[in-house]
C-alpha atoms as a PDB file:
ATOM      1  CA  MET A   1       0.457  -0.108   0.283  1.00  0.00           C
ATOM      2  CA  ASP A   2       1.642   3.356  -1.382  1.00  0.00           C
ATOM      3  CA  GLN A   3       2.116   6.182   1.845  1.00  0.00           C
ATOM      4  CA  ILE A   4      -0.602   7.990   0.511  1.00  0.00           C
ATOM      5  CA  ARG A   5      -3.402   5.257   0.453  1.00  0.00           C
ATOM      6  CA  LYS A   6      -2.298   4.178   4.130  1.00  0.00           C
ATOM      7  CA  VAL A   7      -2.572   7.906   5.343  1.00  0.00           C
ATOM      8  CA  ALA A   8      -6.475   8.063   3.897  1.00  0.00           C
ATOM      9  CA  PHE A   9      -7.005   4.413   5.229  1.00  0.00           C
ATOM     10  CA  LEU A  10      -5.916   5.427   8.458  1.00  0.00           C
ATOM     11  CA  ARG A  11      -7.769   8.828   8.379  1.00  0.00           C
ATOM     12  CA  TRP A  12     -11.193   6.635   7.194  1.00  0.00           C
ATOM     13  CA  LEU A  13     -10.710   4.541  10.187  1.00  0.00           C
ATOM     14  CA  ARG A  14     -10.247   6.886  12.469  1.00  0.00           C
ATOM     15  CA  VAL A  15     -13.160   8.890  11.981  1.00  0.00           C
ATOM     16  CA  ALA A  16     -15.115   5.305  11.171  1.00  0.00           C
ATOM     17  CA  ILE A  17     -14.332   4.337  15.155  1.00  0.00           C
ATOM     18  CA  LEU A  18     -14.977   7.419  16.347  1.00  0.00           C
ATOM     19  CA  ILE A  19     -18.668   7.310  14.713  1.00  0.00           C
ATOM     20  CA  GLY A  20     -18.883   3.974  15.917  1.00  0.00           C
ATOM     21  CA  GLY A  21     -18.093   5.364  19.230  1.00  0.00           C
ATOM     22  CA  ALA A  22     -20.281   8.260  19.590  1.00  0.00           C
ATOM     23  CA  GLY A  23     -23.379   5.886  17.794  1.00  0.00           C
ATOM     24  CA  CYS A  24     -22.473   3.614  21.154  1.00  0.00           C
ATOM     25  CA  VAL A  25     -22.998   6.463  23.599  1.00  0.00           C
ATOM     26  CA  CYS A  26     -26.678   7.180  21.825  1.00  0.00           C
ATOM     27  CA  LEU A  27     -27.673   3.422  21.996  1.00  0.00           C
ATOM     28  CA  ASN A  28     -27.001   3.876  25.688  1.00  0.00           C
ATOM     29  CA  ALA A  29     -28.411   7.188  26.800  1.00  0.00           C
ATOM     30  CA  SER A  30     -31.966   8.605  27.018  1.00  0.00           C
ATOM     31  CA  PRO A  31     -33.724   9.255  23.846  1.00  0.00           C
ATOM     32  CA  ALA A  32     -33.762  13.199  24.319  1.00  0.00           C
ATOM     33  CA  MET A  33     -29.203  13.374  24.537  1.00  0.00           C
ATOM     34  CA  CYS A  34     -29.407  12.036  20.845  1.00  0.00           C
ATOM     35  CA  ALA A  35     -32.466  13.947  19.365  1.00  0.00           C
ATOM     36  CA  ASN A  36     -31.174  16.860  17.978  1.00  0.00           C
ATOM     37  CA  ASP A  37     -33.824  19.616  16.824  1.00  0.00           C
ATOM     38  CA  PRO A  38     -34.217  18.989  13.639  1.00  0.00           C
ATOM     39  CA  GLY A  39     -34.791  22.883  12.424  1.00  0.00           C
ATOM     40  CA  SER A  40     -31.316  23.843  13.900  1.00  0.00           C
ATOM     41  CA  CYS A  41     -28.739  22.982  10.821  1.00  0.00           C
ATOM     42  CA  SER A  42     -31.351  24.811   8.410  1.00  0.00           C
ATOM     43  CA  ALA A  43     -31.396  27.480  10.377  1.00  0.00           C
ATOM     44  CA  SER A  44     -27.614  27.376  11.281  1.00  0.00           C
ATOM     45  CA  PRO A  45     -26.656  30.124   8.682  1.00  0.00           C
ATOM     46  CA  GLU A  46     -22.611  28.396  10.070  1.00  0.00           C
ATOM     47  CA  SER A  47     -23.676  24.984   9.104  1.00  0.00           C
ATOM     48  CA  ARG A  48     -25.212  26.970   5.421  1.00  0.00           C
ATOM     49  CA  ARG A  49     -21.354  27.804   3.963  1.00  0.00           C
ATOM     50  CA  LEU A  50     -21.069  24.895   1.706  1.00  0.00           C
ATOM     51  CA  ASP A  51     -24.173  25.191  -0.217  1.00  0.00           C
ATOM     52  CA  TYR A  52     -22.878  27.339  -3.040  1.00  0.00           C
ATOM     53  CA  TRP A  53     -21.477  23.367  -3.996  1.00  0.00           C
ATOM     54  CA  LEU A  54     -24.713  21.805  -4.348  1.00  0.00           C
ATOM     55  CA  GLY A  55     -25.569  20.365  -7.536  1.00  0.00           C
ATOM     56  CA  GLU A  56     -24.266  18.283 -10.477  1.00  0.00           C
ATOM     57  CA  TRP A  57     -20.798  18.493 -11.530  1.00  0.00           C
ATOM     58  CA  THR A  58     -18.390  17.581 -14.262  1.00  0.00           C
ATOM     59  CA  VAL A  59     -15.021  17.003 -12.886  1.00  0.00           C
ATOM     60  CA  THR A  60     -11.679  17.434 -15.255  1.00  0.00           C
ATOM     61  CA  PHE A  61      -8.040  17.327 -14.269  1.00  0.00           C
ATOM     62  CA  PRO A  62      -5.648  19.324 -16.683  1.00  0.00           C
ATOM     63  CA  GLY A  63      -3.555  16.603 -19.165  1.00  0.00           C
ATOM     64  CA  ALA A  64      -6.057  13.475 -18.200  1.00  0.00           C
ATOM     65  CA  THR A  65      -8.303  11.815 -20.637  1.00  0.00           C
ATOM     66  CA  GLY A  66     -12.270  11.846 -19.756  1.00  0.00           C
ATOM     67  CA  SER A  67     -13.803  13.338 -16.804  1.00  0.00           C
ATOM     68  CA  ALA A  68     -15.741  12.663 -13.621  1.00  0.00           C
ATOM     69  CA  THR A  69     -18.743  13.177 -12.042  1.00  0.00           C
ATOM     70  CA  SER A  70     -19.739  15.088  -8.698  1.00  0.00           C
ATOM     71  CA  LYS A  71     -23.690  14.999  -7.018  1.00  0.00           C
ATOM     72  CA  VAL A  72     -23.404  16.977  -3.695  1.00  0.00           C
ATOM     73  CA  TYR A  73     -26.718  17.336  -1.834  1.00  0.00           C
ATOM     74  CA  LEU A  74     -28.021  17.762   1.136  1.00  0.00           C
ATOM     75  CA  GLU A  75     -29.281  14.320   3.803  1.00  0.00           C
ATOM     76  CA  LEU A  76     -30.646  14.603   7.219  1.00  0.00           C
ATOM     77  CA  GLU A  77     -32.642  16.990   7.775  1.00  0.00           C
ATOM     78  CA  ARG A  78     -30.254  19.208   5.892  1.00  0.00           C
ATOM     79  CA  CYS A  79     -27.677  18.223   8.582  1.00  0.00           C
ATOM     80  CA  LEU A  80     -25.633  16.531   6.227  1.00  0.00           C
ATOM     81  CA  LEU A  81     -23.601  17.271   2.900  1.00  0.00           C
ATOM     82  CA  VAL A  82     -23.351  14.252   0.883  1.00  0.00           C
ATOM     83  CA  GLU A  83     -20.671  14.162  -2.859  1.00  0.00           C
ATOM     84  CA  SER A  84     -21.309  10.931  -4.194  1.00  0.00           C
ATOM     85  CA  TRP A  85     -18.461  11.246  -7.585  1.00  0.00           C
ATOM     86  CA  ASP A  86     -18.085   8.789  -9.937  1.00  0.00           C
ATOM     87  CA  GLY A  87     -14.022   8.762 -11.478  1.00  0.00           C
ATOM     88  CA  ARG A  88     -15.129   6.750 -14.267  1.00  0.00           C
ATOM     89  CA  LYS A  89     -13.337   3.224 -14.984  1.00  0.00           C
ATOM     90  CA  GLY A  90     -15.093   1.886 -11.720  1.00  0.00           C
ATOM     91  CA  HIS A  91     -13.843   4.219  -9.266  1.00  0.00           C
ATOM     92  CA  ASN A  92     -16.665   5.607  -6.676  1.00  0.00           C
ATOM     93  CA  GLY A  93     -16.307   7.836  -3.778  1.00  0.00           C
ATOM     94  CA  GLU A  94     -18.579   9.260  -0.836  1.00  0.00           C
ATOM     95  CA  ASN A  95     -17.861  12.457   0.298  1.00  0.00           C
ATOM     96  CA  LEU A  96     -19.203  13.745   4.349  1.00  0.00           C
ATOM     97  CA  PHE A  97     -19.282  16.808   5.317  1.00  0.00           C
ATOM     98  CA  ALA A  98     -21.157  17.841   8.746  1.00  0.00           C
ATOM     99  CA  TYR A  99     -20.833  21.308  10.526  1.00  0.00           C
ATOM    100  CA  SER A 100     -20.509  20.726  14.312  1.00  0.00           C
ATOM    101  CA  SER A 101     -22.313  23.502  16.519  1.00  0.00           C
ATOM    102  CA  ASP A 102     -20.551  22.401  19.374  1.00  0.00           C
ATOM    103  CA  ASP A 103     -16.829  22.768  18.890  1.00  0.00           C
ATOM    104  CA  LYS A 104     -17.433  25.161  15.945  1.00  0.00           C
ATOM    105  CA  HIS A 105     -15.865  23.432  12.942  1.00  0.00           C
ATOM    106  CA  TRP A 106     -16.724  21.202   9.620  1.00  0.00           C
ATOM    107  CA  HIS A 107     -16.123  17.706  10.397  1.00  0.00           C
ATOM    108  CA  ALA A 108     -15.698  15.259   7.530  1.00  0.00           C
ATOM    109  CA  MET A 109     -15.352  11.786   5.890  1.00  0.00           C
ATOM    110  CA  PHE A 110     -14.478  10.166   2.581  1.00  0.00           C
ATOM    111  CA  ALA A 111     -14.961   6.996   1.374  1.00  0.00           C
ATOM    112  CA  ASP A 112     -13.565   5.427  -1.876  1.00  0.00           C
ATOM    113  CA  ASN A 113     -13.461   1.880  -3.258  1.00  0.00           C
END
C-alpha cells in the first residue's frame, strides 16, 4: 500500500471508530440526549456555508483524458452534505460533511472503493 493510501485509510479508520463510538453512546443514552432539533441545521448560517457546492458537476483534470462526475446534495434534515462522485473506470466515492455547533468546526469523512 503506498503512503497516500495508508494515510487515507488511517484517516478513514479513525473517523469510523469515532462515529461508531458516538453511536454506542447514543444507544445507551436517553432519547432526549441524542435527539437534535430538526430545524437547527437548516437555520444555522454556519452550517449553510457549503451550500454553494450543491448540484451536479463535471470534474476534469489538466492533462487527463475523460472526466468525473460529482453530485452534491443535503441529507438528514439538511444537516449532512453528501458528495457522491464517479471517477469513471469503476472508481467511486462518497464524501460526508457536517458542521458541529459544539466545536464550531466542519467535520468530514471520505470513502472510496
